[in-house]
Amino acid sequence: MTILNLTANDIEKITELYRADFADGWTAEMLKSAFDGGRFFALGVKDGDAILAVITVTVGYDDADIEGVVVAKKSRGLGIAKALITAIEEKLKKDGKERILLEVR
């Protein structure tokens, strides 16, 4: 499994993944605004052009908020979410973030 940085170029595929399970998930407009704001990033796992999983994060001065973790139904139970969270933790620690918050519903 390879974890990749996702960019604003991936917005359409990220929103497709969210729409599959969350009627009130990130919209394309929300993602564009977040990416444009410069304090937001996303990591994901792809299969060809399809995004199988995504984790989105907004960073502050010394903390970060994990905004969402979504895994496609067909890819659940494979440890992808755990791998994404571990990758985020490592990246944020390296970037000097002292606190990581997870937003859930």
PDB file of N, CA and C in Angstrom:
ATOM      1  N   MET A   1       0.847  -1.173   0.000  1.00  0.00           N
ATOM      2  CA  MET A   1       0.000   0.000   0.000  1.00  0.00           C
ATOM      3  C   MET A   1       0.891   1.234   0.000  1.00  0.00           C
ATOM      4  N   THR A   2       0.593   2.156  -0.885  1.00  0.00           N
ATOM      5  CA  THR A   2       1.345   3.399  -0.979  1.00  0.00           C
ATOM      6  C   THR A   2       0.435   4.557  -0.598  1.00  0.00           C
ATOM      7  N   ILE A   3       0.907   5.361   0.345  1.00  0.00           N
ATOM      8  CA  ILE A   3       0.163   6.534   0.780  1.00  0.00           C
ATOM      9  C   ILE A   3       0.724   7.738   0.038  1.00  0.00           C
ATOM     10  N   LEU A   4      -0.171   8.495  -0.583  1.00  0.00           N
ATOM     11  CA  LEU A   4       0.223   9.615  -1.428  1.00  0.00           C
ATOM     12  C   LEU A   4      -0.346  10.925  -0.904  1.00  0.00           C
ATOM     13  N   ASN A   5       0.359  12.023  -1.204  1.00  0.00           N
ATOM     14  CA  ASN A   5      -0.201  13.347  -0.968  1.00  0.00           C
ATOM     15  C   ASN A   5      -1.262  13.595  -2.027  1.00  0.00           C
ATOM     16  N   LEU A   6      -2.420  14.022  -1.598  1.00  0.00           N
ATOM     17  CA  LEU A   6      -3.472  14.402  -2.533  1.00  0.00           C
ATOM     18  C   LEU A   6      -3.468  15.919  -2.650  1.00  0.00           C
ATOM     19  N   THR A   7      -3.923  16.414  -3.781  1.00  0.00           N
ATOM     20  CA  THR A   7      -3.902  17.848  -4.045  1.00  0.00           C
ATOM     21  C   THR A   7      -5.285  18.310  -4.509  1.00  0.00           C
ATOM     22  N   ALA A   8      -5.362  19.587  -4.816  1.00  0.00           N
ATOM     23  CA  ALA A   8      -6.615  20.137  -5.344  1.00  0.00           C
ATOM     24  C   ALA A   8      -7.010  19.453  -6.648  1.00  0.00           C
ATOM     25  N   ASN A   9      -6.053  18.875  -7.352  1.00  0.00           N
ATOM     26  CA  ASN A   9      -6.372  18.130  -8.580  1.00  0.00           C
ATOM     27  C   ASN A   9      -7.198  16.874  -8.299  1.00  0.00           C
ATOM     28  N   ASP A  10      -7.213  16.429  -7.050  1.00  0.00           N
ATOM     29  CA  ASP A  10      -7.932  15.213  -6.670  1.00  0.00           C
ATOM     30  C   ASP A  10      -9.318  15.491  -6.077  1.00  0.00           C
ATOM     31  N   ILE A  11      -9.729  16.749  -6.070  1.00  0.00           N
ATOM     32  CA  ILE A  11     -10.984  17.128  -5.406  1.00  0.00           C
ATOM     33  C   ILE A  11     -12.175  16.310  -5.900  1.00  0.00           C
ATOM     34  N   GLU A  12     -12.313  16.147  -7.190  1.00  0.00           N
ATOM     35  CA  GLU A  12     -13.470  15.415  -7.722  1.00  0.00           C
ATOM     36  C   GLU A  12     -13.516  13.989  -7.185  1.00  0.00           C
ATOM     37  N   LYS A  13     -12.390  13.316  -7.158  1.00  0.00           N
ATOM     38  CA  LYS A  13     -12.354  11.925  -6.695  1.00  0.00           C
ATOM     39  C   LYS A  13     -12.536  11.831  -5.177  1.00  0.00           C
ATOM     40  N   ILE A  14     -12.031  12.832  -4.436  1.00  0.00           N
ATOM     41  CA  ILE A  14     -12.242  12.852  -2.987  1.00  0.00           C
ATOM     42  C   ILE A  14     -13.727  13.022  -2.683  1.00  0.00           C
ATOM     43  N   THR A  15     -14.382  13.928  -3.377  1.00  0.00           N
ATOM     44  CA  THR A  15     -15.812  14.141  -3.117  1.00  0.00           C
ATOM     45  C   THR A  15     -16.635  12.913  -3.513  1.00  0.00           C
ATOM     46  N   GLU A  16     -16.235  12.203  -4.552  1.00  0.00           N
ATOM     47  CA  GLU A  16     -16.927  10.955  -4.921  1.00  0.00           C
ATOM     48  C   GLU A  16     -16.862   9.957  -3.773  1.00  0.00           C
ATOM     49  N   LEU A  17     -15.691   9.849  -3.164  1.00  0.00           N
ATOM     50  CA  LEU A  17     -15.508   8.916  -2.052  1.00  0.00           C
ATOM     51  C   LEU A  17     -16.392   9.326  -0.872  1.00  0.00           C
ATOM     52  N   TYR A  18     -16.403  10.600  -0.538  1.00  0.00           N
ATOM     53  CA  TYR A  18     -17.254  11.084   0.555  1.00  0.00           C
ATOM     54  C   TYR A  18     -18.727  10.848   0.260  1.00  0.00           C
ATOM     55  N   ARG A  19     -19.172  11.176  -0.951  1.00  0.00           N
ATOM     56  CA  ARG A  19     -20.596  11.050  -1.303  1.00  0.00           C
ATOM     57  C   ARG A  19     -21.096   9.611  -1.192  1.00  0.00           C
ATOM     58  N   ALA A  20     -20.216   8.649  -1.362  1.00  0.00           N
ATOM     59  CA  ALA A  20     -20.630   7.249  -1.300  1.00  0.00           C
ATOM     60  C   ALA A  20     -21.170   6.878   0.085  1.00  0.00           C
ATOM     61  N   ASP A  21     -20.687   7.569   1.137  1.00  0.00           N
ATOM     62  CA  ASP A  21     -21.093   7.212   2.498  1.00  0.00           C
ATOM     63  C   ASP A  21     -21.623   8.349   3.352  1.00  0.00           C
ATOM     64  N   PHE A  22     -21.342   9.575   2.970  1.00  0.00           N
ATOM     65  CA  PHE A  22     -21.715  10.714   3.808  1.00  0.00           C
ATOM     66  C   PHE A  22     -22.436  11.762   2.975  1.00  0.00           C
ATOM     67  N   ALA A  23     -23.728  11.873   3.174  1.00  0.00           N
ATOM     68  CA  ALA A  23     -24.502  12.860   2.427  1.00  0.00           C
ATOM     69  C   ALA A  23     -24.066  14.274   2.766  1.00  0.00           C
ATOM     70  N   ASP A  24     -23.514  14.466   3.966  1.00  0.00           N
ATOM     71  CA  ASP A  24     -23.092  15.799   4.387  1.00  0.00           C
ATOM     72  C   ASP A  24     -21.570  15.920   4.466  1.00  0.00           C
ATOM     73  N   GLY A  25     -20.858  15.111   3.687  1.00  0.00           N
ATOM     74  CA  GLY A  25     -19.393  15.151   3.685  1.00  0.00           C
ATOM     75  C   GLY A  25     -18.857  16.363   2.933  1.00  0.00           C
ATOM     76  N   TRP A  26     -17.565  16.402   2.756  1.00  0.00           N
ATOM     77  CA  TRP A  26     -16.909  17.501   2.058  1.00  0.00           C
ATOM     78  C   TRP A  26     -17.490  17.650   0.652  1.00  0.00           C
ATOM     79  N   THR A  27     -17.759  18.883   0.280  1.00  0.00           N
ATOM     80  CA  THR A  27     -18.169  19.173  -1.089  1.00  0.00           C
ATOM     81  C   THR A  27     -16.939  19.656  -1.854  1.00  0.00           C
ATOM     82  N   ALA A  28     -17.049  19.709  -3.172  1.00  0.00           N
ATOM     83  CA  ALA A  28     -15.936  20.196  -3.989  1.00  0.00           C
ATOM     84  C   ALA A  28     -15.571  21.632  -3.607  1.00  0.00           C
ATOM     85  N   GLU A  29     -16.577  22.455  -3.348  1.00  0.00           N
ATOM     86  CA  GLU A  29     -16.326  23.853  -2.984  1.00  0.00           C
ATOM     87  C   GLU A  29     -15.600  23.952  -1.651  1.00  0.00           C
ATOM     88  N   MET A  30     -16.010  23.138  -0.690  1.00  0.00           N
ATOM     89  CA  MET A  30     -15.355  23.139   0.622  1.00  0.00           C
ATOM     90  C   MET A  30     -13.901  22.698   0.497  1.00  0.00           C
ATOM     91  N   LEU A  31     -13.659  21.647  -0.276  1.00  0.00           N
ATOM     92  CA  LEU A  31     -12.294  21.165  -0.459  1.00  0.00           C
ATOM     93  C   LEU A  31     -11.428  22.195  -1.166  1.00  0.00           C
ATOM     94  N   LYS A  32     -11.972  22.827  -2.194  1.00  0.00           N
ATOM     95  CA  LYS A  32     -11.198  23.847  -2.912  1.00  0.00           C
ATOM     96  C   LYS A  32     -10.803  24.973  -1.975  1.00  0.00           C
ATOM     97  N   SER A  33     -11.744  25.446  -1.181  1.00  0.00           N
ATOM     98  CA  SER A  33     -11.474  26.504  -0.219  1.00  0.00           C
ATOM     99  C   SER A  33     -10.421  26.063   0.794  1.00  0.00           C
ATOM    100  N   ALA A  34     -10.529  24.825   1.271  1.00  0.00           N
ATOM    101  CA  ALA A  34      -9.567  24.313   2.248  1.00  0.00           C
ATOM    102  C   ALA A  34      -8.164  24.226   1.643  1.00  0.00           C
ATOM    103  N   PHE A  35      -8.052  23.642   0.448  1.00  0.00           N
ATOM    104  CA  PHE A  35      -6.743  23.545  -0.202  1.00  0.00           C
ATOM    105  C   PHE A  35      -6.174  24.938  -0.471  1.00  0.00           C
ATOM    106  N   ASP A  36      -7.019  25.858  -0.927  1.00  0.00           N
ATOM    107  CA  ASP A  36      -6.564  27.218  -1.235  1.00  0.00           C
ATOM    108  C   ASP A  36      -6.110  27.971   0.010  1.00  0.00           C
ATOM    109  N   GLY A  37      -6.648  27.595   1.174  1.00  0.00           N
ATOM    110  CA  GLY A  37      -6.308  28.274   2.423  1.00  0.00           C
ATOM    111  C   GLY A  37      -4.891  28.040   2.892  1.00  0.00           C
ATOM    112  N   GLY A  38      -4.250  26.985   2.390  1.00  0.00           N
ATOM    113  CA  GLY A  38      -2.853  26.731   2.714  1.00  0.00           C
ATOM    114  C   GLY A  38      -2.582  26.036   4.036  1.00  0.00           C
ATOM    115  N   ARG A  39      -3.606  25.779   4.844  1.00  0.00           N
ATOM    116  CA  ARG A  39      -3.394  25.094   6.119  1.00  0.00           C
ATOM    117  C   ARG A  39      -4.025  23.705   6.114  1.00  0.00           C
ATOM    118  N   PHE A  40      -4.296  23.188   4.960  1.00  0.00           N
ATOM    119  CA  PHE A  40      -5.043  21.945   4.795  1.00  0.00           C
ATOM    120  C   PHE A  40      -4.245  20.997   3.907  1.00  0.00           C
ATOM    121  N   PHE A  41      -4.271  19.726   4.237  1.00  0.00           N
ATOM    122  CA  PHE A  41      -3.698  18.747   3.319  1.00  0.00           C
ATOM    123  C   PHE A  41      -4.449  17.432   3.451  1.00  0.00           C
ATOM    124  N   ALA A  42      -4.218  16.567   2.482  1.00  0.00           N
ATOM    125  CA  ALA A  42      -4.882  15.265   2.460  1.00  0.00           C
ATOM    126  C   ALA A  42      -3.889  14.212   2.008  1.00  0.00           C
ATOM    127  N   LEU A  43      -3.983  13.060   2.619  1.00  0.00           N
ATOM    128  CA  LEU A  43      -3.237  11.884   2.183  1.00  0.00           C
ATOM    129  C   LEU A  43      -4.254  10.857   1.726  1.00  0.00           C
ATOM    130  N   GLY A  44      -3.854  10.009   0.806  1.00  0.00           N
ATOM    131  CA  GLY A  44      -4.784   9.005   0.328  1.00  0.00           C
ATOM    132  C   GLY A  44      -4.098   7.777  -0.208  1.00  0.00           C
ATOM    133  N   VAL A  45      -4.905   6.797  -0.499  1.00  0.00           N
ATOM    134  CA  VAL A  45      -4.470   5.560  -1.128  1.00  0.00           C
ATOM    135  C   VAL A  45      -5.254   5.436  -2.420  1.00  0.00           C
ATOM    136  N   LYS A  46      -4.546   5.212  -3.500  1.00  0.00           N
ATOM    137  CA  LYS A  46      -5.189   5.111  -4.807  1.00  0.00           C
ATOM    138  C   LYS A  46      -5.035   3.713  -5.385  1.00  0.00           C
ATOM    139  N   ASP A  47      -5.981   3.378  -6.256  1.00  0.00           N
ATOM    140  CA  ASP A  47      -5.907   2.186  -7.088  1.00  0.00           C
ATOM    141  C   ASP A  47      -6.134   2.688  -8.501  1.00  0.00           C
ATOM    142  N   GLY A  48      -5.057   2.864  -9.243  1.00  0.00           N
ATOM    143  CA  GLY A  48      -5.164   3.497 -10.554  1.00  0.00           C
ATOM    144  C   GLY A  48      -5.564   4.937 -10.351  1.00  0.00           C
ATOM    145  N   ASP A  49      -6.652   5.349 -10.992  1.00  0.00           N
ATOM    146  CA  ASP A  49      -7.144   6.713 -10.835  1.00  0.00           C
ATOM    147  C   ASP A  49      -8.114   6.861  -9.659  1.00  0.00           C
ATOM    148  N   ALA A  50      -8.616   5.746  -9.158  1.00  0.00           N
ATOM    149  CA  ALA A  50      -9.604   5.795  -8.078  1.00  0.00           C
ATOM    150  C   ALA A  50      -8.925   5.986  -6.731  1.00  0.00           C
ATOM    151  N   ILE A  51      -9.532   6.817  -5.889  1.00  0.00           N
ATOM    152  CA  ILE A  51      -9.057   6.983  -4.523  1.00  0.00           C
ATOM    153  C   ILE A  51      -9.823   6.003  -3.647  1.00  0.00           C
ATOM    154  N   LEU A  52      -9.080   5.119  -2.971  1.00  0.00           N
ATOM    155  CA  LEU A  52      -9.691   4.109  -2.102  1.00  0.00           C
ATOM    156  C   LEU A  52      -9.908   4.624  -0.692  1.00  0.00           C
ATOM    157  N   ALA A  53      -9.082   5.593  -0.281  1.00  0.00           N
ATOM    158  CA  ALA A  53      -9.179   6.116   1.078  1.00  0.00           C
ATOM    159  C   ALA A  53      -8.535   7.494   1.130  1.00  0.00           C
ATOM    160  N   VAL A  54      -9.024   8.303   2.064  1.00  0.00           N
ATOM    161  CA  VAL A  54      -8.480   9.650   2.232  1.00  0.00           C
ATOM    162  C   VAL A  54      -8.546  10.030   3.706  1.00  0.00           C
ATOM    163  N   ILE A  55      -7.554  10.793   4.146  1.00  0.00           N
ATOM    164  CA  ILE A  55      -7.570  11.426   5.451  1.00  0.00           C
ATOM    165  C   ILE A  55      -7.275  12.902   5.215  1.00  0.00           C
ATOM    166  N   THR A  56      -8.097  13.771   5.804  1.00  0.00           N
ATOM    167  CA  THR A  56      -7.946  15.208   5.598  1.00  0.00           C
ATOM    168  C   THR A  56      -7.602  15.869   6.929  1.00  0.00           C
ATOM    169  N   VAL A  57      -6.718  16.872   6.850  1.00  0.00           N
ATOM    170  CA  VAL A  57      -6.185  17.498   8.060  1.00  0.00           C
ATOM    171  C   VAL A  57      -6.063  19.008   7.866  1.00  0.00           C
ATOM    172  N   THR A  58      -6.459  19.761   8.890  1.00  0.00           N
ATOM    173  CA  THR A  58      -6.220  21.191   8.933  1.00  0.00           C
ATOM    174  C   THR A  58      -5.205  21.439  10.042  1.00  0.00           C
ATOM    175  N   VAL A  59      -4.160  22.198   9.736  1.00  0.00           N
ATOM    176  CA  VAL A  59      -3.089  22.422  10.703  1.00  0.00           C
ATOM    177  C   VAL A  59      -3.128  23.841  11.246  1.00  0.00           C
ATOM    178  N   GLY A  60      -2.790  23.942  12.523  1.00  0.00           N
ATOM    179  CA  GLY A  60      -2.647  25.223  13.196  1.00  0.00           C
ATOM    180  C   GLY A  60      -1.195  25.425  13.558  1.00  0.00           C
ATOM    181  N   TYR A  61      -0.941  26.363  14.463  1.00  0.00           N
ATOM    182  CA  TYR A  61       0.427  26.674  14.855  1.00  0.00           C
ATOM    183  C   TYR A  61       1.127  25.475  15.493  1.00  0.00           C
ATOM    184  N   ASP A  62       0.511  24.902  16.534  1.00  0.00           N
ATOM    185  CA  ASP A  62       1.137  23.765  17.209  1.00  0.00           C
ATOM    186  C   ASP A  62       0.210  22.556  17.319  1.00  0.00           C
ATOM    187  N   ASP A  63      -0.906  22.600  16.581  1.00  0.00           N
ATOM    188  CA  ASP A  63      -1.838  21.488  16.629  1.00  0.00           C
ATOM    189  C   ASP A  63      -2.397  21.205  15.240  1.00  0.00           C
ATOM    190  N   ALA A  64      -3.190  20.162  15.158  1.00  0.00           N
ATOM    191  CA  ALA A  64      -3.807  19.781  13.886  1.00  0.00           C
ATOM    192  C   ALA A  64      -5.134  19.091  14.177  1.00  0.00           C
ATOM    193  N   ASP A  65      -6.071  19.266  13.263  1.00  0.00           N
ATOM    194  CA  ASP A  65      -7.377  18.615  13.355  1.00  0.00           C
ATOM    195  C   ASP A  65      -7.521  17.618  12.220  1.00  0.00           C
ATOM    196  N   ILE A  66      -7.723  16.352  12.563  1.00  0.00           N
ATOM    197  CA  ILE A  66      -8.064  15.371  11.545  1.00  0.00           C
ATOM    198  C   ILE A  66      -9.549  15.581  11.263  1.00  0.00           C
ATOM    199  N   GLU A  67      -9.852  16.052  10.076  1.00  0.00           N
ATOM    200  CA  GLU A  67     -11.215  16.417   9.705  1.00  0.00           C
ATOM    201  C   GLU A  67     -12.035  15.211   9.264  1.00  0.00           C
ATOM    202  N   GLY A  68     -11.382  14.247   8.652  1.00  0.00           N
ATOM    203  CA  GLY A  68     -12.120  13.087   8.179  1.00  0.00           C
ATOM    204  C   GLY A  68     -11.211  11.949   7.755  1.00  0.00           C
ATOM    205  N   VAL A  69     -11.730  10.754   7.902  1.00  0.00           N
ATOM    206  CA  VAL A  69     -11.075   9.539   7.410  1.00  0.00           C
ATOM    207  C   VAL A  69     -12.157   8.740   6.706  1.00  0.00           C
ATOM    208  N   VAL A  70     -11.969   8.477   5.429  1.00  0.00           N
ATOM    209  CA  VAL A  70     -12.971   7.736   4.667  1.00  0.00           C
ATOM    210  C   VAL A  70     -12.264   6.634   3.881  1.00  0.00           C
ATOM    211  N   VAL A  71     -12.812   5.438   3.960  1.00  0.00           N
ATOM    212  CA  VAL A  71     -12.300   4.292   3.204  1.00  0.00           C
ATOM    213  C   VAL A  71     -13.456   3.729   2.381  1.00  0.00           C
ATOM    214  N   ALA A  72     -13.205   3.502   1.103  1.00  0.00           N
ATOM    215  CA  ALA A  72     -14.226   2.913   0.225  1.00  0.00           C
ATOM    216  C   ALA A  72     -14.682   1.571   0.789  1.00  0.00           C
ATOM    217  N   LYS A  73     -15.969   1.291   0.656  1.00  0.00           N
ATOM    218  CA  LYS A  73     -16.533   0.051   1.202  1.00  0.00           C
ATOM    219  C   LYS A  73     -15.748  -1.180   0.788  1.00  0.00           C
ATOM    220  N   LYS A  74     -15.346  -1.242  -0.469  1.00  0.00           N
ATOM    221  CA  LYS A  74     -14.646  -2.438  -0.965  1.00  0.00           C
ATOM    222  C   LYS A  74     -13.245  -2.594  -0.367  1.00  0.00           C
ATOM    223  N   SER A  75     -12.736  -1.548   0.279  1.00  0.00           N
ATOM    224  CA  SER A  75     -11.375  -1.583   0.811  1.00  0.00           C
ATOM    225  C   SER A  75     -11.325  -1.599   2.332  1.00  0.00           C
ATOM    226  N   ARG A  76     -12.458  -1.718   2.966  1.00  0.00           N
ATOM    227  CA  ARG A  76     -12.495  -1.726   4.423  1.00  0.00           C
ATOM    228  C   ARG A  76     -11.996  -3.059   4.983  1.00  0.00           C
ATOM    229  N   GLY A  77     -11.470  -2.992   6.196  1.00  0.00           N
ATOM    230  CA  GLY A  77     -10.987  -4.187   6.869  1.00  0.00           C
ATOM    231  C   GLY A  77      -9.576  -4.590   6.466  1.00  0.00           C
ATOM    232  N   LEU A  78      -8.890  -3.737   5.714  1.00  0.00           N
ATOM    233  CA  LEU A  78      -7.541  -4.049   5.242  1.00  0.00           C
ATOM    234  C   LEU A  78      -6.455  -3.281   5.990  1.00  0.00           C
ATOM    235  N   GLY A  79      -6.853  -2.461   6.970  1.00  0.00           N
ATOM    236  CA  GLY A  79      -5.886  -1.686   7.736  1.00  0.00           C
ATOM    237  C   GLY A  79      -5.496  -0.362   7.095  1.00  0.00           C
ATOM    238  N   ILE A  80      -6.248   0.062   6.082  1.00  0.00           N
ATOM    239  CA  ILE A  80      -5.903   1.297   5.378  1.00  0.00           C
ATOM    240  C   ILE A  80      -6.087   2.510   6.283  1.00  0.00           C
ATOM    241  N   ALA A  81      -7.176   2.595   7.011  1.00  0.00           N
ATOM    242  CA  ALA A  81      -7.400   3.741   7.897  1.00  0.00           C
ATOM    243  C   ALA A  81      -6.302   3.830   8.948  1.00  0.00           C
ATOM    244  N   LYS A  82      -5.934   2.709   9.516  1.00  0.00           N
ATOM    245  CA  LYS A  82      -4.863   2.695  10.517  1.00  0.00           C
ATOM    246  C   LYS A  82      -3.552   3.188   9.906  1.00  0.00           C
ATOM    247  N   ALA A  83      -3.259   2.753   8.691  1.00  0.00           N
ATOM    248  CA  ALA A  83      -2.035   3.194   8.017  1.00  0.00           C
ATOM    249  C   ALA A  83      -2.058   4.697   7.749  1.00  0.00           C
ATOM    250  N   LEU A  84      -3.221   5.231   7.350  1.00  0.00           N
ATOM    251  CA  LEU A  84      -3.341   6.667   7.107  1.00  0.00           C
ATOM    252  C   LEU A  84      -3.164   7.466   8.402  1.00  0.00           C
ATOM    253  N   ILE A  85      -3.768   7.011   9.477  1.00  0.00           N
ATOM    254  CA  ILE A  85      -3.642   7.714  10.754  1.00  0.00           C
ATOM    255  C   ILE A  85      -2.197   7.671  11.246  1.00  0.00           C
ATOM    256  N   THR A  86      -1.529   6.537  11.109  1.00  0.00           N
ATOM    257  CA  THR A  86      -0.123   6.434  11.495  1.00  0.00           C
ATOM    258  C   THR A  86       0.738   7.380  10.666  1.00  0.00           C
ATOM    259  N   ALA A  87       0.482   7.447   9.361  1.00  0.00           N
ATOM    260  CA  ALA A  87       1.245   8.347   8.489  1.00  0.00           C
ATOM    261  C   ALA A  87       1.025   9.801   8.886  1.00  0.00           C
ATOM    262  N   ILE A  88      -0.207  10.159   9.217  1.00  0.00           N
ATOM    263  CA  ILE A  88      -0.507  11.529   9.641  1.00  0.00           C
ATOM    264  C   ILE A  88       0.199  11.841  10.954  1.00  0.00           C
ATOM    265  N   GLU A  89       0.128  10.927  11.911  1.00  0.00           N
ATOM    266  CA  GLU A  89       0.796  11.154  13.193  1.00  0.00           C
ATOM    267  C   GLU A  89       2.290  11.394  12.998  1.00  0.00           C
ATOM    268  N   GLU A  90       2.918  10.578  12.177  1.00  0.00           N
ATOM    269  CA  GLU A  90       4.353  10.728  11.926  1.00  0.00           C
ATOM    270  C   GLU A  90       4.666  12.070  11.262  1.00  0.00           C
ATOM    271  N   LYS A  91       3.877  12.441  10.271  1.00  0.00           N
ATOM    272  CA  LYS A  91       4.099  13.711   9.568  1.00  0.00           C
ATOM    273  C   LYS A  91       3.914  14.894  10.510  1.00  0.00           C
ATOM    274  N   LEU A  92       2.856  14.870  11.299  1.00  0.00           N
ATOM    275  CA  LEU A  92       2.578  15.990  12.190  1.00  0.00           C
ATOM    276  C   LEU A  92       3.621  16.113  13.307  1.00  0.00           C
ATOM    277  N   LYS A  93       4.073  14.998  13.845  1.00  0.00           N
ATOM    278  CA  LYS A  93       5.144  15.037  14.851  1.00  0.00           C
ATOM    279  C   LYS A  93       6.411  15.628  14.247  1.00  0.00           C
ATOM    280  N   LYS A  94       6.741  15.194  13.037  1.00  0.00           N
ATOM    281  CA  LYS A  94       7.921  15.711  12.340  1.00  0.00           C
ATOM    282  C   LYS A  94       7.796  17.222  12.104  1.00  0.00           C
ATOM    283  N   ASP A  95       6.566  17.692  11.853  1.00  0.00           N
ATOM    284  CA  ASP A  95       6.314  19.109  11.612  1.00  0.00           C
ATOM    285  C   ASP A  95       6.166  19.911  12.907  1.00  0.00           C
ATOM    286  N   GLY A  96       6.372  19.264  14.066  1.00  0.00           N
ATOM    287  CA  GLY A  96       6.358  19.964  15.345  1.00  0.00           C
ATOM    288  C   GLY A  96       4.989  20.191  15.963  1.00  0.00           C
ATOM    289  N   LYS A  97       3.992  19.477  15.510  1.00  0.00           N
ATOM    290  CA  LYS A  97       2.653  19.634  16.093  1.00  0.00           C
ATOM    291  C   LYS A  97       2.602  18.880  17.417  1.00  0.00           C
ATOM    292  N   GLU A  98       2.112  19.560  18.447  1.00  0.00           N
ATOM    293  CA  GLU A  98       2.096  18.990  19.791  1.00  0.00           C
ATOM    294  C   GLU A  98       0.784  18.300  20.139  1.00  0.00           C
ATOM    295  N   ARG A  99      -0.253  18.605  19.382  1.00  0.00           N
ATOM    296  CA  ARG A  99      -1.566  18.046  19.695  1.00  0.00           C
ATOM    297  C   ARG A  99      -2.298  17.739  18.391  1.00  0.00           C
ATOM    298  N   ILE A 100      -2.929  16.571  18.350  1.00  0.00           N
ATOM    299  CA  ILE A 100      -3.724  16.159  17.203  1.00  0.00           C
ATOM    300  C   ILE A 100      -5.137  15.890  17.691  1.00  0.00           C
ATOM    301  N   LEU A 101      -6.108  16.547  17.069  1.00  0.00           N
ATOM    302  CA  LEU A 101      -7.505  16.358  17.429  1.00  0.00           C
ATOM    303  C   LEU A 101      -8.192  15.567  16.334  1.00  0.00           C
ATOM    304  N   LEU A 102      -9.123  14.713  16.732  1.00  0.00           N
ATOM    305  CA  LEU A 102      -9.892  13.943  15.769  1.00  0.00           C
ATOM    306  C   LEU A 102     -11.348  14.356  15.887  1.00  0.00           C
ATOM    307  N   GLU A 103     -11.889  14.845  14.783  1.00  0.00           N
ATOM    308  CA  GLU A 103     -13.290  15.245  14.740  1.00  0.00           C
ATOM    309  C   GLU A 103     -14.117  14.030  14.310  1.00  0.00           C
ATOM    310  N   VAL A 104     -15.103  13.668  15.118  1.00  0.00           N
ATOM    311  CA  VAL A 104     -15.915  12.493  14.796  1.00  0.00           C
ATOM    312  C   VAL A 104     -17.399  12.825  14.877  1.00  0.00           C
ATOM    313  N   ARG A 105     -18.198  11.961  14.268  1.00  0.00           N
ATOM    314  CA  ARG A 105     -19.647  12.063  14.429  1.00  0.00           C
ATOM    315  C   ARG A 105     -20.220  10.680  14.529  1.00  0.00           C
TER     316      ARG A 105
END
